[in-house]
PDB file of N, CA and C in Angstrom:
ATOM      1  N   UNK A   1       3.573 -28.541  91.693  1.00  0.00           N
ATOM      2  CA  UNK A   1       3.687 -27.983  90.353  1.00  0.00           C
ATOM      3  C   UNK A   1       3.109 -26.513  90.114  1.00  0.00           C
ATOM      4  N   UNK A   2       3.258 -25.289  89.342  1.00  0.00           N
ATOM      5  CA  UNK A   2       2.723 -24.400  89.324  1.00  0.00           C
ATOM      6  C   UNK A   2       1.391 -24.087  90.204  1.00  0.00           C
ATOM      7  N   UNK A   3       1.466 -24.085  91.731  1.00  0.00           N
ATOM      8  CA  UNK A   3       0.355 -24.316  92.397  1.00  0.00           C
ATOM      9  C   UNK A   3      -1.008 -24.530  92.606  1.00  0.00           C
ATOM     10  N   UNK A   4      -0.695 -25.707  92.070  1.00  0.00           N
ATOM     11  CA  UNK A   4      -2.003 -26.497  91.391  1.00  0.00           C
ATOM     12  C   UNK A   4      -2.994 -27.503  92.468  1.00  0.00           C
ATOM     13  N   UNK A   5      -1.889 -27.930  92.805  1.00  0.00           N
ATOM     14  CA  UNK A   5      -1.527 -29.509  93.878  1.00  0.00           C
ATOM     15  C   UNK A   5      -3.159 -29.635  94.267  1.00  0.00           C
ATOM     16  N   UNK A   6      -3.616 -30.547  95.006  1.00  0.00           N
ATOM     17  CA  UNK A   6      -4.813 -30.391  95.481  1.00  0.00           C
ATOM     18  C   UNK A   6      -4.171 -30.459  96.942  1.00  0.00           C
ATOM     19  N   UNK A   7      -3.658 -29.769  97.776  1.00  0.00           N
ATOM     20  CA  UNK A   7      -3.235 -30.006  99.375  1.00  0.00           C
ATOM     21  C   UNK A   7      -4.379 -29.342  99.622  1.00  0.00           C
ATOM     22  N   UNK A   8      -4.956 -30.253 101.535  1.00  0.00           N
ATOM     23  CA  UNK A   8      -5.631 -30.379 102.042  1.00  0.00           C
ATOM     24  C   UNK A   8      -7.404 -30.280 101.400  1.00  0.00           C
ATOM     25  N   UNK A   9      -6.838 -31.250  99.716  1.00  0.00           N
ATOM     26  CA  UNK A   9      -9.028 -30.376  99.365  1.00  0.00           C
ATOM     27  C   UNK A   9      -9.456 -31.666  99.347  1.00  0.00           C
ATOM     28  N   UNK A  10     -10.495 -31.792 100.012  1.00  0.00           N
ATOM     29  CA  UNK A  10     -11.336 -33.358 100.255  1.00  0.00           C
ATOM     30  C   UNK A  10     -12.469 -33.186  99.482  1.00  0.00           C
ATOM     31  N   UNK A  11     -13.071 -34.452  99.223  1.00  0.00           N
ATOM     32  CA  UNK A  11     -14.090 -34.595  99.066  1.00  0.00           C
ATOM     33  C   UNK A  11     -14.723 -34.535  97.455  1.00  0.00           C
ATOM     34  N   UNK A  12     -13.187 -34.814  96.925  1.00  0.00           N
ATOM     35  CA  UNK A  12     -13.285 -35.327  95.752  1.00  0.00           C
ATOM     36  C   UNK A  12     -13.943 -36.908  95.060  1.00  0.00           C
ATOM     37  N   UNK A  13     -14.850 -37.130  94.530  1.00  0.00           N
ATOM     38  CA  UNK A  13     -15.023 -38.182  94.388  1.00  0.00           C
ATOM     39  C   UNK A  13     -14.996 -38.559  92.569  1.00  0.00           C
ATOM     40  N   UNK A  14     -14.449 -39.435  92.411  1.00  0.00           N
ATOM     41  CA  UNK A  14     -14.495 -40.216  91.204  1.00  0.00           C
ATOM     42  C   UNK A  14     -15.794 -40.054  90.314  1.00  0.00           C
ATOM     43  N   UNK A  15     -15.898 -39.455  88.794  1.00  0.00           N
ATOM     44  CA  UNK A  15     -17.235 -39.505  88.287  1.00  0.00           C
ATOM     45  C   UNK A  15     -17.503 -41.254  87.828  1.00  0.00           C
ATOM     46  N   UNK A  16     -16.763 -42.017  87.798  1.00  0.00           N
ATOM     47  CA  UNK A  16     -16.802 -43.331  88.089  1.00  0.00           C
ATOM     48  C   UNK A  16     -17.957 -43.575  89.205  1.00  0.00           C
ATOM     49  N   UNK A  17     -17.080 -43.076  89.984  1.00  0.00           N
ATOM     50  CA  UNK A  17     -18.382 -43.482  91.546  1.00  0.00           C
ATOM     51  C   UNK A  17     -19.237 -42.029  91.647  1.00  0.00           C
ATOM     52  N   UNK A  18     -19.751 -41.436  91.120  1.00  0.00           N
ATOM     53  CA  UNK A  18     -21.142 -41.110  91.090  1.00  0.00           C
ATOM     54  C   UNK A  18     -22.553 -41.923  90.610  1.00  0.00           C
ATOM     55  N   UNK A  19     -23.551 -41.750  91.770  1.00  0.00           N
ATOM     56  CA  UNK A  19     -24.487 -42.704  91.493  1.00  0.00           C
ATOM     57  C   UNK A  19     -26.106 -41.323  90.724  1.00  0.00           C
ATOM     58  N   UNK A  20     -25.320 -41.978  89.424  1.00  0.00           N
ATOM     59  CA  UNK A  20     -26.947 -41.327  89.240  1.00  0.00           C
ATOM     60  C   UNK A  20     -28.483 -41.781  89.573  1.00  0.00           C
ATOM     61  N   UNK A  21     -29.269 -40.809  89.804  1.00  0.00           N
ATOM     62  CA  UNK A  21     -30.689 -41.116  90.195  1.00  0.00           C
ATOM     63  C   UNK A  21     -31.257 -41.983  89.366  1.00  0.00           C
ATOM     64  N   UNK A  22     -32.221 -42.825  90.069  1.00  0.00           N
ATOM     65  CA  UNK A  22     -32.839 -43.752  88.597  1.00  0.00           C
ATOM     66  C   UNK A  22     -33.472 -42.819  87.943  1.00  0.00           C
ATOM     67  N   UNK A  23     -34.412 -41.857  89.040  1.00  0.00           N
ATOM     68  CA  UNK A  23     -35.572 -40.708  87.407  1.00  0.00           C
ATOM     69  C   UNK A  23     -34.284 -40.284  86.644  1.00  0.00           C
ATOM     70  N   UNK A  24     -33.346 -40.012  87.344  1.00  0.00           N
ATOM     71  CA  UNK A  24     -32.391 -38.688  85.980  1.00  0.00           C
ATOM     72  C   UNK A  24     -32.046 -39.697  85.337  1.00  0.00           C
ATOM     73  N   UNK A  25     -31.714 -40.579  84.919  1.00  0.00           N
ATOM     74  CA  UNK A  25     -31.620 -41.847  83.933  1.00  0.00           C
ATOM     75  C   UNK A  25     -31.865 -42.289  82.849  1.00  0.00           C
ATOM     76  N   UNK A  26     -33.823 -41.964  83.873  1.00  0.00           N
ATOM     77  CA  UNK A  26     -34.883 -42.030  82.783  1.00  0.00           C
ATOM     78  C   UNK A  26     -34.890 -41.315  82.098  1.00  0.00           C
ATOM     79  N   UNK A  27     -34.790 -40.088  82.876  1.00  0.00           N
ATOM     80  CA  UNK A  27     -35.462 -38.564  82.072  1.00  0.00           C
ATOM     81  C   UNK A  27     -34.326 -38.676  80.931  1.00  0.00           C
ATOM     82  N   UNK A  28     -32.989 -38.517  80.798  1.00  0.00           N
ATOM     83  CA  UNK A  28     -32.058 -38.533  80.132  1.00  0.00           C
ATOM     84  C   UNK A  28     -32.187 -39.533  79.236  1.00  0.00           C
ATOM     85  N   UNK A  29     -33.001 -41.202  79.486  1.00  0.00           N
ATOM     86  CA  UNK A  29     -33.169 -41.637  77.888  1.00  0.00           C
ATOM     87  C   UNK A  29     -33.893 -40.944  76.989  1.00  0.00           C
ATOM     88  N   UNK A  30     -34.742 -40.773  77.861  1.00  0.00           N
ATOM     89  CA  UNK A  30     -35.879 -39.776  77.138  1.00  0.00           C
ATOM     90  C   UNK A  30     -35.275 -38.807  75.895  1.00  0.00           C
ATOM     91  N   UNK A  31     -35.204 -38.048  76.775  1.00  0.00           N
ATOM     92  CA  UNK A  31     -33.992 -36.826  76.188  1.00  0.00           C
ATOM     93  C   UNK A  31     -33.569 -37.717  75.099  1.00  0.00           C
ATOM     94  N   UNK A  32     -32.785 -38.481  75.568  1.00  0.00           N
ATOM     95  CA  UNK A  32     -31.693 -38.687  74.511  1.00  0.00           C
ATOM     96  C   UNK A  32     -32.357 -39.703  72.768  1.00  0.00           C
ATOM     97  N   UNK A  33     -33.792 -39.856  73.178  1.00  0.00           N
ATOM     98  CA  UNK A  33     -34.525 -41.169  71.975  1.00  0.00           C
ATOM     99  C   UNK A  33     -34.837 -40.138  71.133  1.00  0.00           C
ATOM    100  N   UNK A  34     -34.609 -40.964  70.141  1.00  0.00           N
ATOM    101  CA  UNK A  34     -34.834 -40.247  68.592  1.00  0.00           C
ATOM    102  C   UNK A  34     -35.909 -41.069  67.818  1.00  0.00           C
ATOM    103  N   UNK A  35     -36.196 -42.144  68.022  1.00  0.00           N
ATOM    104  CA  UNK A  35     -37.405 -42.915  67.384  1.00  0.00           C
ATOM    105  C   UNK A  35     -38.636 -42.554  68.027  1.00  0.00           C
ATOM    106  N   UNK A  36     -39.772 -42.007  67.618  1.00  0.00           N
ATOM    107  CA  UNK A  36     -40.538 -41.291  68.075  1.00  0.00           C
ATOM    108  C   UNK A  36     -42.177 -42.277  68.856  1.00  0.00           C
ATOM    109  N   UNK A  37     -41.350 -43.474  68.438  1.00  0.00           N
ATOM    110  CA  UNK A  37     -41.854 -45.059  68.643  1.00  0.00           C
ATOM    111  C   UNK A  37     -41.819 -45.448  69.611  1.00  0.00           C
ATOM    112  N   UNK A  38     -40.515 -44.469  70.253  1.00  0.00           N
ATOM    113  CA  UNK A  38     -40.237 -45.501  71.541  1.00  0.00           C
ATOM    114  C   UNK A  38     -39.960 -43.883  72.344  1.00  0.00           C
ATOM    115  N   UNK A  39     -40.222 -42.917  71.710  1.00  0.00           N
ATOM    116  CA  UNK A  39     -40.256 -41.598  72.897  1.00  0.00           C
ATOM    117  C   UNK A  39     -41.464 -41.859  74.010  1.00  0.00           C
ATOM    118  N   UNK A  40     -42.688 -42.582  73.562  1.00  0.00           N
ATOM    119  CA  UNK A  40     -43.707 -42.077  74.423  1.00  0.00           C
ATOM    120  C   UNK A  40     -43.631 -43.664  75.862  1.00  0.00           C
ATOM    121  N   UNK A  41     -42.601 -44.337  75.588  1.00  0.00           N
ATOM    122  CA  UNK A  41     -42.221 -45.062  76.713  1.00  0.00           C
ATOM    123  C   UNK A  41     -41.155 -44.662  77.134  1.00  0.00           C
ATOM    124  N   UNK A  42     -40.669 -43.872  77.088  1.00  0.00           N
ATOM    125  CA  UNK A  42     -38.948 -43.398  77.316  1.00  0.00           C
ATOM    126  C   UNK A  42     -39.783 -42.149  78.177  1.00  0.00           C
ATOM    127  N   UNK A  43     -41.087 -41.368  77.692  1.00  0.00           N
ATOM    128  CA  UNK A  43     -41.145 -40.340  79.067  1.00  0.00           C
ATOM    129  C   UNK A  43     -42.201 -40.782  80.224  1.00  0.00           C
ATOM    130  N   UNK A  44     -42.729 -41.885  79.939  1.00  0.00           N
ATOM    131  CA  UNK A  44     -43.103 -43.147  80.412  1.00  0.00           C
ATOM    132  C   UNK A  44     -42.923 -43.227  81.907  1.00  0.00           C
ATOM    133  N   UNK A  45     -42.014 -44.253  81.359  1.00  0.00           N
ATOM    134  CA  UNK A  45     -40.614 -44.550  82.340  1.00  0.00           C
ATOM    135  C   UNK A  45     -40.045 -43.489  82.844  1.00  0.00           C
ATOM    136  N   UNK A  46     -39.736 -42.013  82.219  1.00  0.00           N
ATOM    137  CA  UNK A  46     -39.374 -41.440  83.361  1.00  0.00           C
ATOM    138  C   UNK A  46     -40.535 -40.975  84.505  1.00  0.00           C
ATOM    139  N   UNK A  47     -41.673 -40.218  84.116  1.00  0.00           N
ATOM    140  CA  UNK A  47     -42.522 -39.800  84.771  1.00  0.00           C
ATOM    141  C   UNK A  47     -42.357 -40.921  85.880  1.00  0.00           C
ATOM    142  N   UNK A  48     -42.819 -42.009  85.404  1.00  0.00           N
ATOM    143  CA  UNK A  48     -42.846 -42.784  86.714  1.00  0.00           C
ATOM    144  C   UNK A  48     -41.977 -42.882  87.996  1.00  0.00           C
ATOM    145  N   UNK A  49     -40.248 -43.106  87.269  1.00  0.00           N
ATOM    146  CA  UNK A  49     -39.474 -42.765  88.302  1.00  0.00           C
ATOM    147  C   UNK A  49     -39.516 -41.825  89.083  1.00  0.00           C
ATOM    148  N   UNK A  50     -39.502 -40.534  88.531  1.00  0.00           N
ATOM    149  CA  UNK A  50     -40.019 -39.288  89.217  1.00  0.00           C
ATOM    150  C   UNK A  50     -40.467 -39.381  90.010  1.00  0.00           C
ATOM    151  N   UNK A  51     -41.852 -39.671  89.794  1.00  0.00           N
ATOM    152  CA  UNK A  51     -43.278 -40.287  90.399  1.00  0.00           C
ATOM    153  C   UNK A  51     -43.053 -40.807  92.104  1.00  0.00           C
ATOM    154  N   UNK A  52     -41.947 -42.090  91.525  1.00  0.00           N
ATOM    155  CA  UNK A  52     -41.747 -42.898  92.364  1.00  0.00           C
ATOM    156  C   UNK A  52     -40.820 -41.975  93.455  1.00  0.00           C
ATOM    157  N   UNK A  53     -39.529 -41.332  92.828  1.00  0.00           N
ATOM    158  CA  UNK A  53     -38.937 -40.977  94.089  1.00  0.00           C
ATOM    159  C   UNK A  53     -39.505 -39.875  94.881  1.00  0.00           C
ATOM    160  N   UNK A  54     -40.794 -39.239  94.079  1.00  0.00           N
ATOM    161  CA  UNK A  54     -41.055 -38.117  94.957  1.00  0.00           C
ATOM    162  C   UNK A  54     -42.116 -38.011  95.870  1.00  0.00           C
ATOM    163  N   UNK A  55     -42.034 -40.150  96.285  1.00  0.00           N
ATOM    164  CA  UNK A  55     -43.110 -40.416  97.111  1.00  0.00           C
ATOM    165  C   UNK A  55     -42.289 -40.675  97.925  1.00  0.00           C
ATOM    166  N   UNK A  56     -40.430 -41.067  97.885  1.00  0.00           N
ATOM    167  CA  UNK A  56     -40.182 -41.112  98.652  1.00  0.00           C
ATOM    168  C   UNK A  56     -39.968 -40.325  99.225  1.00  0.00           C
ATOM    169  N   UNK A  57     -39.410 -39.193  98.249  1.00  0.00           N
ATOM    170  CA  UNK A  57     -38.931 -37.807  99.412  1.00  0.00           C
ATOM    171  C   UNK A  57     -40.094 -37.465 100.894  1.00  0.00           C
ATOM    172  N   UNK A  58     -41.027 -37.735 100.034  1.00  0.00           N
ATOM    173  CA  UNK A  58     -42.195 -36.976 101.354  1.00  0.00           C
ATOM    174  C   UNK A  58     -42.272 -36.176 101.784  1.00  0.00           C
ATOM    175  N   UNK A  59     -42.340 -35.755 102.435  1.00  0.00           N
ATOM    176  CA  UNK A  59     -42.771 -34.030 103.163  1.00  0.00           C
ATOM    177  C   UNK A  59     -41.193 -33.214 103.487  1.00  0.00           C
ATOM    178  N   UNK A  60     -40.423 -33.803 103.533  1.00  0.00           N
ATOM    179  CA  UNK A  60     -39.301 -33.425 103.113  1.00  0.00           C
ATOM    180  C   UNK A  60     -38.953 -31.677 103.211  1.00  0.00           C
ATOM    181  N   UNK A  61     -38.088 -30.966 103.029  1.00  0.00           N
ATOM    182  CA  UNK A  61     -37.816 -29.642 102.592  1.00  0.00           C
ATOM    183  C   UNK A  61     -37.537 -29.493 101.573  1.00  0.00           C
ATOM    184  N   UNK A  62     -37.733 -28.194 100.173  1.00  0.00           N
ATOM    185  CA  UNK A  62     -37.638 -28.349  98.997  1.00  0.00           C
ATOM    186  C   UNK A  62     -35.752 -28.440  98.793  1.00  0.00           C
ATOM    187  N   UNK A  63     -35.365 -29.380  98.560  1.00  0.00           N
ATOM    188  CA  UNK A  63     -34.038 -30.313  98.322  1.00  0.00           C
ATOM    189  C   UNK A  63     -33.319 -29.154  96.978  1.00  0.00           C
ATOM    190  N   UNK A  64     -32.293 -29.445  96.956  1.00  0.00           N
ATOM    191  CA  UNK A  64     -31.092 -29.189  95.454  1.00  0.00           C
ATOM    192  C   UNK A  64     -32.186 -30.807  94.226  1.00  0.00           C
ATOM    193  N   UNK A  65     -32.117 -32.123  94.790  1.00  0.00           N
ATOM    194  CA  UNK A  65     -33.247 -32.819  93.856  1.00  0.00           C
ATOM    195  C   UNK A  65     -34.731 -32.963  93.819  1.00  0.00           C
ATOM    196  N   UNK A  66     -35.338 -31.905  94.702  1.00  0.00           N
ATOM    197  CA  UNK A  66     -36.855 -31.413  94.100  1.00  0.00           C
ATOM    198  C   UNK A  66     -36.317 -30.454  93.265  1.00  0.00           C
ATOM    199  N   UNK A  67     -35.244 -29.637  93.138  1.00  0.00           N
ATOM    200  CA  UNK A  67     -35.638 -28.693  92.111  1.00  0.00           C
ATOM    201  C   UNK A  67     -35.437 -29.097  90.874  1.00  0.00           C
ATOM    202  N   UNK A  68     -34.198 -30.379  91.008  1.00  0.00           N
ATOM    203  CA  UNK A  68     -33.546 -30.540  89.681  1.00  0.00           C
ATOM    204  C   UNK A  68     -35.391 -31.840  88.812  1.00  0.00           C
ATOM    205  N   UNK A  69     -36.032 -32.311  89.691  1.00  0.00           N
ATOM    206  CA  UNK A  69     -36.865 -33.074  89.455  1.00  0.00           C
ATOM    207  C   UNK A  69     -37.662 -31.999  88.987  1.00  0.00           C
ATOM    208  N   UNK A  70     -38.107 -30.906  89.640  1.00  0.00           N
ATOM    209  CA  UNK A  70     -39.252 -29.641  88.976  1.00  0.00           C
ATOM    210  C   UNK A  70     -38.317 -29.790  87.223  1.00  0.00           C
ATOM    211  N   UNK A  71     -37.380 -28.949  87.206  1.00  0.00           N
ATOM    212  CA  UNK A  71     -36.895 -28.989  85.609  1.00  0.00           C
ATOM    213  C   UNK A  71     -36.582 -29.848  85.431  1.00  0.00           C
ATOM    214  N   UNK A  72     -36.632 -31.693  85.821  1.00  0.00           N
ATOM    215  CA  UNK A  72     -37.280 -32.759  84.505  1.00  0.00           C
ATOM    216  C   UNK A  72     -38.200 -33.473  84.257  1.00  0.00           C
ATOM    217  N   UNK A  73     -38.957 -32.432  84.670  1.00  0.00           N
ATOM    218  CA  UNK A  73     -40.493 -32.425  84.383  1.00  0.00           C
ATOM    219  C   UNK A  73     -41.301 -30.938  83.969  1.00  0.00           C
ATOM    220  N   UNK A  74     -40.763 -30.626  83.754  1.00  0.00           N
ATOM    221  CA  UNK A  74     -40.754 -29.412  82.554  1.00  0.00           C
ATOM    222  C   UNK A  74     -40.579 -29.686  81.373  1.00  0.00           C
ATOM    223  N   UNK A  75     -38.632 -30.628  81.404  1.00  0.00           N
ATOM    224  CA  UNK A  75     -38.160 -31.312  80.264  1.00  0.00           C
ATOM    225  C   UNK A  75     -39.253 -32.320  79.314  1.00  0.00           C
ATOM    226  N   UNK A  76     -39.446 -32.816  80.252  1.00  0.00           N
ATOM    227  CA  UNK A  76     -40.278 -33.828  79.693  1.00  0.00           C
ATOM    228  C   UNK A  76     -41.866 -33.126  79.407  1.00  0.00           C
ATOM    229  N   UNK A  77     -42.391 -32.422  80.191  1.00  0.00           N
ATOM    230  CA  UNK A  77     -43.597 -31.842  78.951  1.00  0.00           C
ATOM    231  C   UNK A  77     -43.317 -31.203  78.228  1.00  0.00           C
ATOM    232  N   UNK A  78     -41.660 -30.524  77.987  1.00  0.00           N
ATOM    233  CA  UNK A  78     -41.605 -30.348  76.420  1.00  0.00           C
ATOM    234  C   UNK A  78     -41.683 -30.813  75.241  1.00  0.00           C
ATOM    235  N   UNK A  79     -40.963 -32.120  75.988  1.00  0.00           N
ATOM    236  CA  UNK A  79     -41.017 -33.404  74.911  1.00  0.00           C
ATOM    237  C   UNK A  79     -42.649 -33.356  74.091  1.00  0.00           C
ATOM    238  N   UNK A  80     -43.126 -34.193  75.798  1.00  0.00           N
ATOM    239  CA  UNK A  80     -44.620 -34.104  74.819  1.00  0.00           C
ATOM    240  C   UNK A  80     -45.282 -33.192  74.262  1.00  0.00           C
ATOM    241  N   UNK A  81     -45.067 -31.878  74.101  1.00  0.00           N
ATOM    242  CA  UNK A  81     -45.726 -31.140  73.738  1.00  0.00           C
ATOM    243  C   UNK A  81     -44.353 -30.539  71.915  1.00  0.00           C
ATOM    244  N   UNK A  82     -43.127 -30.537  72.214  1.00  0.00           N
ATOM    245  CA  UNK A  82     -42.745 -30.390  70.731  1.00  0.00           C
ATOM    246  C   UNK A  82     -42.792 -31.032  69.986  1.00  0.00           C
ATOM    247  N   UNK A  83     -42.114 -32.685  70.800  1.00  0.00           N
ATOM    248  CA  UNK A  83     -41.846 -34.093  69.883  1.00  0.00           C
ATOM    249  C   UNK A  83     -42.991 -34.863  69.664  1.00  0.00           C
ATOM    250  N   UNK A  84     -43.985 -35.108  70.307  1.00  0.00           N
ATOM    251  CA  UNK A  84     -44.242 -35.930  70.061  1.00  0.00           C
ATOM    252  C   UNK A  84     -46.520 -34.936  70.140  1.00  0.00           C
ATOM    253  N   UNK A  85     -46.004 -33.278  69.982  1.00  0.00           N
ATOM    254  CA  UNK A  85     -47.226 -32.824  70.237  1.00  0.00           C
ATOM    255  C   UNK A  85     -48.199 -33.699  70.153  1.00  0.00           C
ATOM    256  N   UNK A  86     -48.675 -33.275  72.359  1.00  0.00           N
ATOM    257  CA  UNK A  86     -49.911 -33.387  72.304  1.00  0.00           C
ATOM    258  C   UNK A  86     -49.422 -31.922  73.217  1.00  0.00           C
ATOM    259  N   UNK A  87     -51.109 -32.181  73.458  1.00  0.00           N
ATOM    260  CA  UNK A  87     -51.786 -30.864  74.039  1.00  0.00           C
ATOM    261  C   UNK A  87     -51.063 -29.798  74.752  1.00  0.00           C
ATOM    262  N   UNK A  88     -50.503 -28.199  75.581  1.00  0.00           N
ATOM    263  CA  UNK A  88     -50.210 -27.724  76.329  1.00  0.00           C
ATOM    264  C   UNK A  88     -51.391 -27.512  76.947  1.00  0.00           C
ATOM    265  N   UNK A  89     -51.666 -28.084  78.277  1.00  0.00           N
ATOM    266  CA  UNK A  89     -52.899 -27.097  79.238  1.00  0.00           C
ATOM    267  C   UNK A  89     -51.811 -26.251  79.374  1.00  0.00           C
ATOM    268  N   UNK A  90     -50.994 -25.635  79.560  1.00  0.00           N
ATOM    269  CA  UNK A  90     -50.765 -24.432  80.621  1.00  0.00           C
ATOM    270  C   UNK A  90     -51.033 -23.351  79.296  1.00  0.00           C
ATOM    271  N   UNK A  91     -51.207 -23.587  78.234  1.00  0.00           N
ATOM    272  CA  UNK A  91     -51.406 -22.278  77.154  1.00  0.00           C
ATOM    273  C   UNK A  91     -52.988 -21.831  77.157  1.00  0.00           C
ATOM    274  N   UNK A  92     -53.886 -20.871  77.402  1.00  0.00           N
ATOM    275  CA  UNK A  92     -55.135 -20.417  77.671  1.00  0.00           C
ATOM    276  C   UNK A  92     -55.624 -20.080  75.946  1.00  0.00           C
ATOM    277  N   UNK A  93     -56.481 -21.314  76.089  1.00  0.00           N
ATOM    278  CA  UNK A  93     -57.308 -21.066  74.678  1.00  0.00           C
ATOM    279  C   UNK A  93     -58.453 -20.103  74.565  1.00  0.00           C
TER     280      UNK A  93
END
């Protein structure tokens, strides 16, 4: 009907079957945290999960996951500096 059939298309994965990496889940929990008393704990949990995954990846060549991890690290840094008022080490004094 209407030429929109998925004839010959393979590789579709139901969203319910997509596995979200542990580090990404931890980052999402930190981003969603509204209570500042819990935010530091969430950020530390996300950073630890990222560290562990980075270690697992080892010396593998650059990948989409490494790019996503780098973006997540930058997001966590923004949370620390903007929401938790930590100093931004990137700024020259």
